[in-house]
Amino acid sequence: QVQLVESGGGLVQAGGSLRLSCAASGRTFSSMGWFRQAPGKEREFVAGIVYSGQRTEYADSVKGRFTISRDNAKNAVYLQMNSLKPEDTAVYYCATSTWIIPGGIEERYRSWGQGTQVTVSS
């Protein structure tokens, strides 16, 4: 049984930073990713990283501000979020995929965490 546990969310002022963590247990994964869902909106892709860590992908809205990384020894993935904006406010979810390169396609991600709230005040 795959379990994903996110942490690191919270309340931050615009321009601030947060670092999200996701610890995975149960098996070795291929790609991992972060998605987010704001109130009243569809869940959207934020960032993804392949197993080797050598390929990453980002939504246009976060490029240059967010950085995804992983530590395979710890089965963990991280999301460093800088220059946060109020529009980044959302519940952030980590997810795993057996696809080598799932990209931002949500259907390719099989297991999901419970989410962590990120709130950015203006």
PDB file of N, CA and C in Angstrom:
ATOM      1  N   GLN A   1       0.839  -1.188   0.000  1.00  0.00           N
ATOM      2  CA  GLN A   1       0.000   0.000   0.000  1.00  0.00           C
ATOM      3  C   GLN A   1       0.882   1.248   0.000  1.00  0.00           C
ATOM      4  N   VAL A   2       0.677   2.094  -0.980  1.00  0.00           N
ATOM      5  CA  VAL A   2       1.465   3.313  -1.084  1.00  0.00           C
ATOM      6  C   VAL A   2       0.895   4.370  -0.153  1.00  0.00           C
ATOM      7  N   GLN A   3       1.777   5.008   0.566  1.00  0.00           N
ATOM      8  CA  GLN A   3       1.365   6.122   1.407  1.00  0.00           C
ATOM      9  C   GLN A   3       2.243   7.335   1.131  1.00  0.00           C
ATOM     10  N   LEU A   4       1.606   8.466   0.974  1.00  0.00           N
ATOM     11  CA  LEU A   4       2.309   9.723   0.739  1.00  0.00           C
ATOM     12  C   LEU A   4       1.882  10.709   1.806  1.00  0.00           C
ATOM     13  N   VAL A   5       2.842  11.347   2.430  1.00  0.00           N
ATOM     14  CA  VAL A   5       2.546  12.307   3.483  1.00  0.00           C
ATOM     15  C   VAL A   5       3.259  13.618   3.175  1.00  0.00           C
ATOM     16  N   GLU A   6       2.449  14.656   2.949  1.00  0.00           N
ATOM     17  CA  GLU A   6       3.009  15.978   2.674  1.00  0.00           C
ATOM     18  C   GLU A   6       3.159  16.765   3.975  1.00  0.00           C
ATOM     19  N   SER A   7       4.100  17.696   3.962  1.00  0.00           N
ATOM     20  CA  SER A   7       4.283  18.595   5.098  1.00  0.00           C
ATOM     21  C   SER A   7       4.923  19.882   4.595  1.00  0.00           C
ATOM     22  N   GLY A   8       4.901  20.893   5.432  1.00  0.00           N
ATOM     23  CA  GLY A   8       5.581  22.134   5.104  1.00  0.00           C
ATOM     24  C   GLY A   8       4.684  23.281   4.686  1.00  0.00           C
ATOM     25  N   GLY A   9       3.395  23.019   4.560  1.00  0.00           N
ATOM     26  CA  GLY A   9       2.495  24.097   4.190  1.00  0.00           C
ATOM     27  C   GLY A   9       2.314  25.083   5.336  1.00  0.00           C
ATOM     28  N   GLY A  10       1.640  26.182   5.034  1.00  0.00           N
ATOM     29  CA  GLY A  10       1.394  27.182   6.065  1.00  0.00           C
ATOM     30  C   GLY A  10       0.969  28.506   5.481  1.00  0.00           C
ATOM     31  N   LEU A  11       1.011  29.530   6.323  1.00  0.00           N
ATOM     32  CA  LEU A  11       0.638  30.881   5.933  1.00  0.00           C
ATOM     33  C   LEU A  11       1.907  31.707   5.756  1.00  0.00           C
ATOM     34  N   VAL A  12       2.010  32.395   4.634  1.00  0.00           N
ATOM     35  CA  VAL A  12       3.192  33.211   4.350  1.00  0.00           C
ATOM     36  C   VAL A  12       2.753  34.468   3.617  1.00  0.00           C
ATOM     37  N   GLN A  13       3.505  35.524   3.785  1.00  0.00           N
ATOM     38  CA  GLN A  13       3.208  36.767   3.073  1.00  0.00           C
ATOM     39  C   GLN A  13       3.706  36.687   1.633  1.00  0.00           C
ATOM     40  N   ALA A  14       3.083  37.460   0.786  1.00  0.00           N
ATOM     41  CA  ALA A  14       3.518  37.532  -0.608  1.00  0.00           C
ATOM     42  C   ALA A  14       4.995  37.899  -0.669  1.00  0.00           C
ATOM     43  N   GLY A  15       5.710  37.203  -1.546  1.00  0.00           N
ATOM     44  CA  GLY A  15       7.142  37.398  -1.662  1.00  0.00           C
ATOM     45  C   GLY A  15       7.954  36.442  -0.815  1.00  0.00           C
ATOM     46  N   GLY A  16       7.295  35.741   0.073  1.00  0.00           N
ATOM     47  CA  GLY A  16       7.974  34.813   0.957  1.00  0.00           C
ATOM     48  C   GLY A  16       8.221  33.456   0.322  1.00  0.00           C
ATOM     49  N   SER A  17       8.735  32.540   1.136  1.00  0.00           N
ATOM     50  CA  SER A  17       9.098  31.208   0.654  1.00  0.00           C
ATOM     51  C   SER A  17       8.561  30.129   1.583  1.00  0.00           C
ATOM     52  N   LEU A  18       8.330  28.970   0.994  1.00  0.00           N
ATOM     53  CA  LEU A  18       7.986  27.764   1.740  1.00  0.00           C
ATOM     54  C   LEU A  18       8.646  26.585   1.051  1.00  0.00           C
ATOM     55  N   ARG A  19       8.907  25.551   1.826  1.00  0.00           N
ATOM     56  CA  ARG A  19       9.434  24.308   1.257  1.00  0.00           C
ATOM     57  C   ARG A  19       8.518  23.167   1.669  1.00  0.00           C
ATOM     58  N   LEU A  20       7.903  22.558   0.672  1.00  0.00           N
ATOM     59  CA  LEU A  20       7.044  21.420   0.906  1.00  0.00           C
ATOM     60  C   LEU A  20       7.846  20.134   0.798  1.00  0.00           C
ATOM     61  N   SER A  21       7.474  19.165   1.623  1.00  0.00           N
ATOM     62  CA  SER A  21       8.098  17.848   1.583  1.00  0.00           C
ATOM     63  C   SER A  21       7.020  16.797   1.424  1.00  0.00           C
ATOM     64  N   CYS A  22       7.399  15.700   0.788  1.00  0.00           N
ATOM     65  CA  CYS A  22       6.497  14.575   0.629  1.00  0.00           C
ATOM     66  C   CYS A  22       7.295  13.304   0.843  1.00  0.00           C
ATOM     67  N   ALA A  23       6.896  12.536   1.843  1.00  0.00           N
ATOM     68  CA  ALA A  23       7.551  11.269   2.140  1.00  0.00           C
ATOM     69  C   ALA A  23       6.681  10.138   1.628  1.00  0.00           C
ATOM     70  N   ALA A  24       7.284   9.259   0.858  1.00  0.00           N
ATOM     71  CA  ALA A  24       6.554   8.145   0.264  1.00  0.00           C
ATOM     72  C   ALA A  24       7.030   6.832   0.872  1.00  0.00           C
ATOM     73  N   SER A  25       6.108   5.921   1.038  1.00  0.00           N
ATOM     74  CA  SER A  25       6.468   4.608   1.572  1.00  0.00           C
ATOM     75  C   SER A  25       5.764   3.527   0.771  1.00  0.00           C
ATOM     76  N   GLY A  26       6.293   2.357   0.801  1.00  0.00           N
ATOM     77  CA  GLY A  26       5.619   1.233   0.178  1.00  0.00           C
ATOM     78  C   GLY A  26       6.353   0.627  -0.997  1.00  0.00           C
ATOM     79  N   ARG A  27       6.983   1.450  -1.801  1.00  0.00           N
ATOM     80  CA  ARG A  27       7.682   0.932  -2.965  1.00  0.00           C
ATOM     81  C   ARG A  27       8.545   2.020  -3.589  1.00  0.00           C
ATOM     82  N   THR A  28       9.350   1.628  -4.517  1.00  0.00           N
ATOM     83  CA  THR A  28      10.168   2.587  -5.253  1.00  0.00           C
ATOM     84  C   THR A  28       9.369   3.104  -6.438  1.00  0.00           C
ATOM     85  N   PHE A  29       9.356   4.402  -6.619  1.00  0.00           N
ATOM     86  CA  PHE A  29       8.539   5.013  -7.652  1.00  0.00           C
ATOM     87  C   PHE A  29       9.376   5.469  -8.829  1.00  0.00           C
ATOM     88  N   SER A  30       8.701   5.721  -9.888  1.00  0.00           N
ATOM     89  CA  SER A  30       9.356   6.297 -11.043  1.00  0.00           C
ATOM     90  C   SER A  30       9.320   7.815 -10.900  1.00  0.00           C
ATOM     91  N   SER A  31       8.378   8.431 -11.508  1.00  0.00           N
ATOM     92  CA  SER A  31       8.301   9.884 -11.403  1.00  0.00           C
ATOM     93  C   SER A  31       7.435  10.311 -10.223  1.00  0.00           C
ATOM     94  N   MET A  32       7.671  11.525  -9.780  1.00  0.00           N
ATOM     95  CA  MET A  32       6.854  12.113  -8.728  1.00  0.00           C
ATOM     96  C   MET A  32       6.502  13.530  -9.143  1.00  0.00           C
ATOM     97  N   GLY A  33       5.425  14.016  -8.587  1.00  0.00           N
ATOM     98  CA  GLY A  33       4.998  15.348  -8.981  1.00  0.00           C
ATOM     99  C   GLY A  33       4.228  16.056  -7.893  1.00  0.00           C
ATOM    100  N   TRP A  34       4.042  17.352  -8.104  1.00  0.00           N
ATOM    101  CA  TRP A  34       3.219  18.179  -7.242  1.00  0.00           C
ATOM    102  C   TRP A  34       2.081  18.777  -8.054  1.00  0.00           C
ATOM    103  N   PHE A  35       0.901  18.744  -7.488  1.00  0.00           N
ATOM    104  CA  PHE A  35      -0.280  19.377  -8.056  1.00  0.00           C
ATOM    105  C   PHE A  35      -0.850  20.313  -6.992  1.00  0.00           C
ATOM    106  N   ARG A  36      -1.760  21.173  -7.407  1.00  0.00           N
ATOM    107  CA  ARG A  36      -2.429  22.035  -6.436  1.00  0.00           C
ATOM    108  C   ARG A  36      -3.865  22.278  -6.856  1.00  0.00           C
ATOM    109  N   GLN A  37      -4.692  22.577  -5.863  1.00  0.00           N
ATOM    110  CA  GLN A  37      -6.086  22.880  -6.127  1.00  0.00           C
ATOM    111  C   GLN A  37      -6.509  24.060  -5.282  1.00  0.00           C
ATOM    112  N   ALA A  38      -6.874  25.128  -5.958  1.00  0.00           N
ATOM    113  CA  ALA A  38      -7.376  26.322  -5.293  1.00  0.00           C
ATOM    114  C   ALA A  38      -8.889  26.202  -5.140  1.00  0.00           C
ATOM    115  N   PRO A  39      -9.464  26.918  -4.200  1.00  0.00           N
ATOM    116  CA  PRO A  39     -10.923  26.844  -3.992  1.00  0.00           C
ATOM    117  C   PRO A  39     -11.689  27.175  -5.273  1.00  0.00           C
ATOM    118  N   GLY A  40     -12.607  26.294  -5.618  1.00  0.00           N
ATOM    119  CA  GLY A  40     -13.439  26.536  -6.780  1.00  0.00           C
ATOM    120  C   GLY A  40     -12.772  26.265  -8.112  1.00  0.00           C
ATOM    121  N   LYS A  41     -11.559  25.718  -8.077  1.00  0.00           N
ATOM    122  CA  LYS A  41     -10.835  25.460  -9.324  1.00  0.00           C
ATOM    123  C   LYS A  41     -10.476  23.991  -9.449  1.00  0.00           C
ATOM    124  N   GLU A  42     -10.136  23.605 -10.668  1.00  0.00           N
ATOM    125  CA  GLU A  42      -9.692  22.244 -10.920  1.00  0.00           C
ATOM    126  C   GLU A  42      -8.266  22.066 -10.379  1.00  0.00           C
ATOM    127  N   ARG A  43      -7.947  20.825 -10.045  1.00  0.00           N
ATOM    128  CA  ARG A  43      -6.582  20.531  -9.630  1.00  0.00           C
ATOM    129  C   ARG A  43      -5.668  20.712 -10.850  1.00  0.00           C
ATOM    130  N   GLU A  44      -4.497  21.313 -10.627  1.00  0.00           N
ATOM    131  CA  GLU A  44      -3.596  21.578 -11.736  1.00  0.00           C
ATOM    132  C   GLU A  44      -2.181  21.112 -11.405  1.00  0.00           C
ATOM    133  N   PHE A  45      -1.465  20.793 -12.454  1.00  0.00           N
ATOM    134  CA  PHE A  45      -0.079  20.361 -12.343  1.00  0.00           C
ATOM    135  C   PHE A  45       0.791  21.550 -11.953  1.00  0.00           C
ATOM    136  N   VAL A  46       1.754  21.284 -11.067  1.00  0.00           N
ATOM    137  CA  VAL A  46       2.695  22.324 -10.657  1.00  0.00           C
ATOM    138  C   VAL A  46       4.105  21.978 -11.134  1.00  0.00           C
ATOM    139  N   ALA A  47       4.566  20.776 -10.778  1.00  0.00           N
ATOM    140  CA  ALA A  47       5.934  20.393 -11.137  1.00  0.00           C
ATOM    141  C   ALA A  47       6.066  18.888 -11.093  1.00  0.00           C
ATOM    142  N   GLY A  48       6.993  18.363 -11.888  1.00  0.00           N
ATOM    143  CA  GLY A  48       7.249  16.938 -11.894  1.00  0.00           C
ATOM    144  C   GLY A  48       8.728  16.659 -12.041  1.00  0.00           C
ATOM    145  N   ILE A  49       9.136  15.461 -11.588  1.00  0.00           N
ATOM    146  CA  ILE A  49      10.544  15.094 -11.642  1.00  0.00           C
ATOM    147  C   ILE A  49      10.644  13.599 -11.891  1.00  0.00           C
ATOM    148  N   VAL A  50      11.558  13.218 -12.794  1.00  0.00           N
ATOM    149  CA  VAL A  50      11.742  11.809 -13.089  1.00  0.00           C
ATOM    150  C   VAL A  50      12.610  11.158 -12.015  1.00  0.00           C
ATOM    151  N   TYR A  51      12.732   9.825 -12.063  1.00  0.00           N
ATOM    152  CA  TYR A  51      13.416   9.108 -10.992  1.00  0.00           C
ATOM    153  C   TYR A  51      14.853   9.586 -10.801  1.00  0.00           C
ATOM    154  N   SER A  52      15.563   9.789 -11.889  1.00  0.00           N
ATOM    155  CA  SER A  52      16.971  10.187 -11.792  1.00  0.00           C
ATOM    156  C   SER A  52      17.140  11.616 -11.297  1.00  0.00           C
ATOM    157  N   GLY A  53      16.080  12.380 -11.376  1.00  0.00           N
ATOM    158  CA  GLY A  53      16.161  13.787 -11.009  1.00  0.00           C
ATOM    159  C   GLY A  53      16.718  14.667 -12.105  1.00  0.00           C
ATOM    160  N   GLN A  54      17.055  14.070 -13.237  1.00  0.00           N
ATOM    161  CA  GLN A  54      17.705  14.836 -14.293  1.00  0.00           C
ATOM    162  C   GLN A  54      16.738  15.544 -15.222  1.00  0.00           C
ATOM    163  N   ARG A  55      15.457  15.235 -15.064  1.00  0.00           N
ATOM    164  CA  ARG A  55      14.470  15.938 -15.890  1.00  0.00           C
ATOM    165  C   ARG A  55      13.369  16.446 -14.984  1.00  0.00           C
ATOM    166  N   THR A  56      13.080  17.711 -15.118  1.00  0.00           N
ATOM    167  CA  THR A  56      11.996  18.322 -14.359  1.00  0.00           C
ATOM    168  C   THR A  56      11.086  19.094 -15.304  1.00  0.00           C
ATOM    169  N   GLU A  57       9.852  19.261 -14.887  1.00  0.00           N
ATOM    170  CA  GLU A  57       8.887  20.033 -15.659  1.00  0.00           C
ATOM    171  C   GLU A  57       8.118  20.928 -14.708  1.00  0.00           C
ATOM    172  N   TYR A  58       7.716  22.091 -15.225  1.00  0.00           N
ATOM    173  CA  TYR A  58       7.007  23.053 -14.408  1.00  0.00           C
ATOM    174  C   TYR A  58       5.846  23.661 -15.182  1.00  0.00           C
ATOM    175  N   ALA A  59       4.823  24.007 -14.443  1.00  0.00           N
ATOM    176  CA  ALA A  59       3.755  24.811 -15.027  1.00  0.00           C
ATOM    177  C   ALA A  59       4.320  26.200 -15.311  1.00  0.00           C
ATOM    178  N   ASP A  60       3.821  26.826 -16.351  1.00  0.00           N
ATOM    179  CA  ASP A  60       4.323  28.156 -16.714  1.00  0.00           C
ATOM    180  C   ASP A  60       4.173  29.140 -15.565  1.00  0.00           C
ATOM    181  N   SER A  61       3.130  28.968 -14.784  1.00  0.00           N
ATOM    182  CA  SER A  61       2.831  29.922 -13.716  1.00  0.00           C
ATOM    183  C   SER A  61       3.848  29.898 -12.581  1.00  0.00           C
ATOM    184  N   VAL A  62       4.659  28.839 -12.498  1.00  0.00           N
ATOM    185  CA  VAL A  62       5.609  28.728 -11.386  1.00  0.00           C
ATOM    186  C   VAL A  62       7.062  28.691 -11.852  1.00  0.00           C
ATOM    187  N   LYS A  63       7.291  28.651 -13.143  1.00  0.00           N
ATOM    188  CA  LYS A  63       8.664  28.600 -13.659  1.00  0.00           C
ATOM    189  C   LYS A  63       9.476  29.772 -13.147  1.00  0.00           C
ATOM    190  N   GLY A  64      10.685  29.454 -12.699  1.00  0.00           N
ATOM    191  CA  GLY A  64      11.568  30.490 -12.189  1.00  0.00           C
ATOM    192  C   GLY A  64      11.353  30.807 -10.726  1.00  0.00           C
ATOM    193  N   ARG A  65      10.262  30.317 -10.142  1.00  0.00           N
ATOM    194  CA  ARG A  65       9.984  30.579  -8.724  1.00  0.00           C
ATOM    195  C   ARG A  65      10.005  29.306  -7.889  1.00  0.00           C
ATOM    196  N   PHE A  66       9.553  28.197  -8.458  1.00  0.00           N
ATOM    197  CA  PHE A  66       9.486  26.924  -7.746  1.00  0.00           C
ATOM    198  C   PHE A  66      10.570  25.980  -8.260  1.00  0.00           C
ATOM    199  N   THR A  67      11.061  25.132  -7.363  1.00  0.00           N
ATOM    200  CA  THR A  67      12.042  24.121  -7.734  1.00  0.00           C
ATOM    201  C   THR A  67      11.664  22.796  -7.109  1.00  0.00           C
ATOM    202  N   ILE A  68      11.548  21.773  -7.937  1.00  0.00           N
ATOM    203  CA  ILE A  68      11.256  20.431  -7.444  1.00  0.00           C
ATOM    204  C   ILE A  68      12.551  19.647  -7.360  1.00  0.00           C
ATOM    205  N   SER A  69      12.667  18.831  -6.333  1.00  0.00           N
ATOM    206  CA  SER A  69      13.843  17.975  -6.167  1.00  0.00           C
ATOM    207  C   SER A  69      13.404  16.699  -5.469  1.00  0.00           C
ATOM    208  N   ARG A  70      14.292  15.719  -5.429  1.00  0.00           N
ATOM    209  CA  ARG A  70      13.946  14.459  -4.777  1.00  0.00           C
ATOM    210  C   ARG A  70      15.168  13.836  -4.150  1.00  0.00           C
ATOM    211  N   ASP A  71      14.919  12.978  -3.183  1.00  0.00           N
ATOM    212  CA  ASP A  71      15.967  12.201  -2.525  1.00  0.00           C
ATOM    213  C   ASP A  71      15.491  10.756  -2.548  1.00  0.00           C
ATOM    214  N   ASN A  72      16.021   9.969  -3.465  1.00  0.00           N
ATOM    215  CA  ASN A  72      15.542   8.598  -3.623  1.00  0.00           C
ATOM    216  C   ASN A  72      15.896   7.712  -2.437  1.00  0.00           C
ATOM    217  N   ALA A  73      16.958   8.031  -1.757  1.00  0.00           N
ATOM    218  CA  ALA A  73      17.327   7.253  -0.572  1.00  0.00           C
ATOM    219  C   ALA A  73      16.267   7.384   0.514  1.00  0.00           C
ATOM    220  N   LYS A  74      15.588   8.520   0.512  1.00  0.00           N
ATOM    221  CA  LYS A  74      14.535   8.759   1.507  1.00  0.00           C
ATOM    222  C   LYS A  74      13.143   8.613   0.913  1.00  0.00           C
ATOM    223  N   ASN A  75      13.058   8.278  -0.366  1.00  0.00           N
ATOM    224  CA  ASN A  75      11.764   8.202  -1.043  1.00  0.00           C
ATOM    225  C   ASN A  75      10.983   9.488  -0.813  1.00  0.00           C
ATOM    226  N   ALA A  76      11.636  10.592  -1.041  1.00  0.00           N
ATOM    227  CA  ALA A  76      11.018  11.883  -0.751  1.00  0.00           C
ATOM    228  C   ALA A  76      11.147  12.824  -1.934  1.00  0.00           C
ATOM    229  N   VAL A  77      10.186  13.712  -2.046  1.00  0.00           N
ATOM    230  CA  VAL A  77      10.210  14.756  -3.060  1.00  0.00           C
ATOM    231  C   VAL A  77       9.922  16.079  -2.361  1.00  0.00           C
ATOM    232  N   TYR A  78      10.524  17.136  -2.881  1.00  0.00           N
ATOM    233  CA  TYR A  78      10.411  18.442  -2.251  1.00  0.00           C
ATOM    234  C   TYR A  78       9.972  19.486  -3.272  1.00  0.00           C
ATOM    235  N   LEU A  79       9.377  20.543  -2.778  1.00  0.00           N
ATOM    236  CA  LEU A  79       9.012  21.665  -3.639  1.00  0.00           C
ATOM    237  C   LEU A  79       9.414  22.946  -2.922  1.00  0.00           C
ATOM    238  N   GLN A  80      10.472  23.571  -3.410  1.00  0.00           N
ATOM    239  CA  GLN A  80      10.900  24.861  -2.876  1.00  0.00           C
ATOM    240  C   GLN A  80      10.140  25.952  -3.609  1.00  0.00           C
ATOM    241  N   MET A  81       9.409  26.750  -2.858  1.00  0.00           N
ATOM    242  CA  MET A  81       8.565  27.777  -3.455  1.00  0.00           C
ATOM    243  C   MET A  81       9.050  29.148  -3.001  1.00  0.00           C
ATOM    244  N   ASN A  82       9.518  29.931  -3.939  1.00  0.00           N
ATOM    245  CA  ASN A  82      10.007  31.280  -3.653  1.00  0.00           C
ATOM    246  C   ASN A  82       9.125  32.313  -4.337  1.00  0.00           C
ATOM    247  N   SER A  83       9.270  33.548  -3.904  1.00  0.00           N
ATOM    248  CA  SER A  83       8.505  34.664  -4.491  1.00  0.00           C
ATOM    249  C   SER A  83       7.021  34.316  -4.585  1.00  0.00           C
ATOM    250  N   LEU A  84       6.489  33.827  -3.511  1.00  0.00           N
ATOM    251  CA  LEU A  84       5.100  33.374  -3.514  1.00  0.00           C
ATOM    252  C   LEU A  84       4.137  34.526  -3.751  1.00  0.00           C
ATOM    253  N   LYS A  85       3.054  34.203  -4.436  1.00  0.00           N
ATOM    254  CA  LYS A  85       2.013  35.161  -4.779  1.00  0.00           C
ATOM    255  C   LYS A  85       0.686  34.710  -4.187  1.00  0.00           C
ATOM    256  N   PRO A  86      -0.238  35.618  -3.960  1.00  0.00           N
ATOM    257  CA  PRO A  86      -1.550  35.205  -3.443  1.00  0.00           C
ATOM    258  C   PRO A  86      -2.212  34.147  -4.320  1.00  0.00           C
ATOM    259  N   GLU A  87      -1.978  34.198  -5.618  1.00  0.00           N
ATOM    260  CA  GLU A  87      -2.586  33.204  -6.517  1.00  0.00           C
ATOM    261  C   GLU A  87      -1.971  31.821  -6.385  1.00  0.00           C
ATOM    262  N   ASP A  88      -0.920  31.677  -5.578  1.00  0.00           N
ATOM    263  CA  ASP A  88      -0.363  30.360  -5.292  1.00  0.00           C
ATOM    264  C   ASP A  88      -1.117  29.670  -4.162  1.00  0.00           C
ATOM    265  N   THR A  89      -2.037  30.375  -3.543  1.00  0.00           N
ATOM    266  CA  THR A  89      -2.824  29.793  -2.460  1.00  0.00           C
ATOM    267  C   THR A  89      -3.624  28.598  -2.970  1.00  0.00           C
ATOM    268  N   ALA A  90      -3.440  27.465  -2.299  1.00  0.00           N
ATOM    269  CA  ALA A  90      -4.087  26.223  -2.736  1.00  0.00           C
ATOM    270  C   ALA A  90      -3.714  25.111  -1.763  1.00  0.00           C
ATOM    271  N   VAL A  91      -4.392  23.990  -1.926  1.00  0.00           N
ATOM    272  CA  VAL A  91      -3.951  22.754  -1.286  1.00  0.00           C
ATOM    273  C   VAL A  91      -2.988  22.086  -2.260  1.00  0.00           C
ATOM    274  N   TYR A  92      -1.820  21.751  -1.773  1.00  0.00           N
ATOM    275  CA  TYR A  92      -0.776  21.143  -2.605  1.00  0.00           C
ATOM    276  C   TYR A  92      -0.712  19.647  -2.323  1.00  0.00           C
ATOM    277  N   TYR A  93      -0.704  18.868  -3.406  1.00  0.00           N
ATOM    278  CA  TYR A  93      -0.678  17.414  -3.309  1.00  0.00           C
ATOM    279  C   TYR A  93       0.575  16.870  -3.991  1.00  0.00           C
ATOM    280  N   CYS A  94       1.183  15.872  -3.383  1.00  0.00           N
ATOM    281  CA  CYS A  94       2.220  15.155  -4.112  1.00  0.00           C
ATOM    282  C   CYS A  94       1.610  13.855  -4.648  1.00  0.00           C
ATOM    283  N   ALA A  95       2.216  13.351  -5.687  1.00  0.00           N
ATOM    284  CA  ALA A  95       1.695  12.169  -6.348  1.00  0.00           C
ATOM    285  C   ALA A  95       2.839  11.390  -6.966  1.00  0.00           C
ATOM    286  N   THR A  96       2.608  10.104  -7.155  1.00  0.00           N
ATOM    287  CA  THR A  96       3.616   9.248  -7.769  1.00  0.00           C
ATOM    288  C   THR A  96       3.070   8.628  -9.044  1.00  0.00           C
ATOM    289  N   SER A  97       3.977   8.291  -9.916  1.00  0.00           N
ATOM    290  CA  SER A  97       3.589   7.715 -11.194  1.00  0.00           C
ATOM    291  C   SER A  97       4.545   6.595 -11.560  1.00  0.00           C
ATOM    292  N   THR A  98       4.014   5.576 -12.205  1.00  0.00           N
ATOM    293  CA  THR A  98       4.863   4.512 -12.731  1.00  0.00           C
ATOM    294  C   THR A  98       5.351   4.846 -14.134  1.00  0.00           C
ATOM    295  N   TRP A  99       4.852   5.917 -14.711  1.00  0.00           N
ATOM    296  CA  TRP A  99       5.346   6.375 -15.996  1.00  0.00           C
ATOM    297  C   TRP A  99       6.763   6.919 -15.826  1.00  0.00           C
ATOM    298  N   ILE A 100       7.594   6.700 -16.823  1.00  0.00           N
ATOM    299  CA  ILE A 100       8.941   7.251 -16.764  1.00  0.00           C
ATOM    300  C   ILE A 100       8.891   8.773 -16.866  1.00  0.00           C
ATOM    301  N   ILE A 101       8.061   9.258 -17.775  1.00  0.00           N
ATOM    302  CA  ILE A 101       7.892  10.701 -17.939  1.00  0.00           C
ATOM    303  C   ILE A 101       6.398  10.990 -18.044  1.00  0.00           C
ATOM    304  N   PRO A 102       5.725  11.141 -16.924  1.00  0.00           N
ATOM    305  CA  PRO A 102       4.276  11.380 -16.976  1.00  0.00           C
ATOM    306  C   PRO A 102       3.917  12.812 -17.323  1.00  0.00           C
ATOM    307  N   GLY A 103       4.870  13.716 -17.162  1.00  0.00           N
ATOM    308  CA  GLY A 103       4.591  15.115 -17.443  1.00  0.00           C
ATOM    309  C   GLY A 103       3.517  15.642 -16.511  1.00  0.00           C
ATOM    310  N   GLY A 104       2.690  16.500 -17.038  1.00  0.00           N
ATOM    311  CA  GLY A 104       1.638  17.122 -16.240  1.00  0.00           C
ATOM    312  C   GLY A 104       0.287  16.460 -16.382  1.00  0.00           C
ATOM    313  N   ILE A 105       0.262  15.252 -16.898  1.00  0.00           N
ATOM    314  CA  ILE A 105      -1.005  14.556 -17.147  1.00  0.00           C
ATOM    315  C   ILE A 105      -1.446  13.847 -15.881  1.00  0.00           C
ATOM    316  N   GLU A 106      -2.486  14.379 -15.273  1.00  0.00           N
ATOM    317  CA  GLU A 106      -2.925  13.897 -13.974  1.00  0.00           C
ATOM    318  C   GLU A 106      -3.293  12.422 -13.985  1.00  0.00           C
ATOM    319  N   GLU A 107      -3.862  11.941 -15.044  1.00  0.00           N
ATOM    320  CA  GLU A 107      -4.297  10.547 -15.102  1.00  0.00           C
ATOM    321  C   GLU A 107      -3.131   9.573 -15.028  1.00  0.00           C
ATOM    322  N   ARG A 108      -1.932  10.033 -15.258  1.00  0.00           N
ATOM    323  CA  ARG A 108      -0.755   9.169 -15.208  1.00  0.00           C
ATOM    324  C   ARG A 108      -0.203   9.024 -13.796  1.00  0.00           C
ATOM    325  N   TYR A 109      -0.768   9.721 -12.863  1.00  0.00           N
ATOM    326  CA  TYR A 109      -0.334   9.636 -11.473  1.00  0.00           C
ATOM    327  C   TYR A 109      -1.335   8.752 -10.717  1.00  0.00           C
ATOM    328  N   ARG A 110      -0.819   7.770  -9.998  1.00  0.00           N
ATOM    329  CA  ARG A 110      -1.682   6.755  -9.415  1.00  0.00           C
ATOM    330  C   ARG A 110      -1.941   6.953  -7.929  1.00  0.00           C
ATOM    331  N   SER A 111      -0.965   7.419  -7.197  1.00  0.00           N
ATOM    332  CA  SER A 111      -1.111   7.533  -5.746  1.00  0.00           C
ATOM    333  C   SER A 111      -0.959   8.994  -5.333  1.00  0.00           C
ATOM    334  N   TRP A 112      -1.765   9.390  -4.354  1.00  0.00           N
ATOM    335  CA  TRP A 112      -1.824  10.788  -3.949  1.00  0.00           C
ATOM    336  C   TRP A 112      -1.740  10.932  -2.434  1.00  0.00           C
ATOM    337  N   GLY A 113      -1.154  12.022  -2.009  1.00  0.00           N
ATOM    338  CA  GLY A 113      -1.156  12.347  -0.596  1.00  0.00           C
ATOM    339  C   GLY A 113      -2.451  13.048  -0.206  1.00  0.00           C
ATOM    340  N   GLN A 114      -2.539  13.413   1.059  1.00  0.00           N
ATOM    341  CA  GLN A 114      -3.759  14.039   1.569  1.00  0.00           C
ATOM    342  C   GLN A 114      -3.769  15.546   1.347  1.00  0.00           C
ATOM    343  N   GLY A 115      -2.637  16.097   0.992  1.00  0.00           N
ATOM    344  CA  GLY A 115      -2.552  17.524   0.687  1.00  0.00           C
ATOM    345  C   GLY A 115      -2.097  18.350   1.878  1.00  0.00           C
ATOM    346  N   THR A 116      -1.495  19.478   1.575  1.00  0.00           N
ATOM    347  CA  THR A 116      -1.079  20.433   2.599  1.00  0.00           C
ATOM    348  C   THR A 116      -1.469  21.831   2.128  1.00  0.00           C
ATOM    349  N   GLN A 117      -2.029  22.611   3.020  1.00  0.00           N
ATOM    350  CA  GLN A 117      -2.541  23.931   2.664  1.00  0.00           C
ATOM    351  C   GLN A 117      -1.422  24.960   2.618  1.00  0.00           C
ATOM    352  N   VAL A 118      -1.402  25.715   1.544  1.00  0.00           N
ATOM    353  CA  VAL A 118      -0.495  26.851   1.405  1.00  0.00           C
ATOM    354  C   VAL A 118      -1.360  28.097   1.215  1.00  0.00           C
ATOM    355  N   THR A 119      -1.172  29.061   2.075  1.00  0.00           N
ATOM    356  CA  THR A 119      -1.927  30.310   1.990  1.00  0.00           C
ATOM    357  C   THR A 119      -0.954  31.479   1.912  1.00  0.00           C
ATOM    358  N   VAL A 120      -1.100  32.277   0.868  1.00  0.00           N
ATOM    359  CA  VAL A 120      -0.215  33.426   0.662  1.00  0.00           C
ATOM    360  C   VAL A 120      -1.051  34.695   0.815  1.00  0.00           C
ATOM    361  N   SER A 121      -0.701  35.508   1.780  1.00  0.00           N
ATOM    362  CA  SER A 121      -1.444  36.739   2.021  1.00  0.00           C
ATOM    363  C   SER A 121      -0.803  37.898   1.262  1.00  0.00           C
ATOM    364  N   SER A 122      -1.656  38.830   0.870  1.00  0.00           N
ATOM    365  CA  SER A 122      -1.166  39.985   0.095  1.00  0.00           C
ATOM    366  C   SER A 122      -0.746  41.129   1.006  1.00  0.00           C
TER     367      SER A 122
END
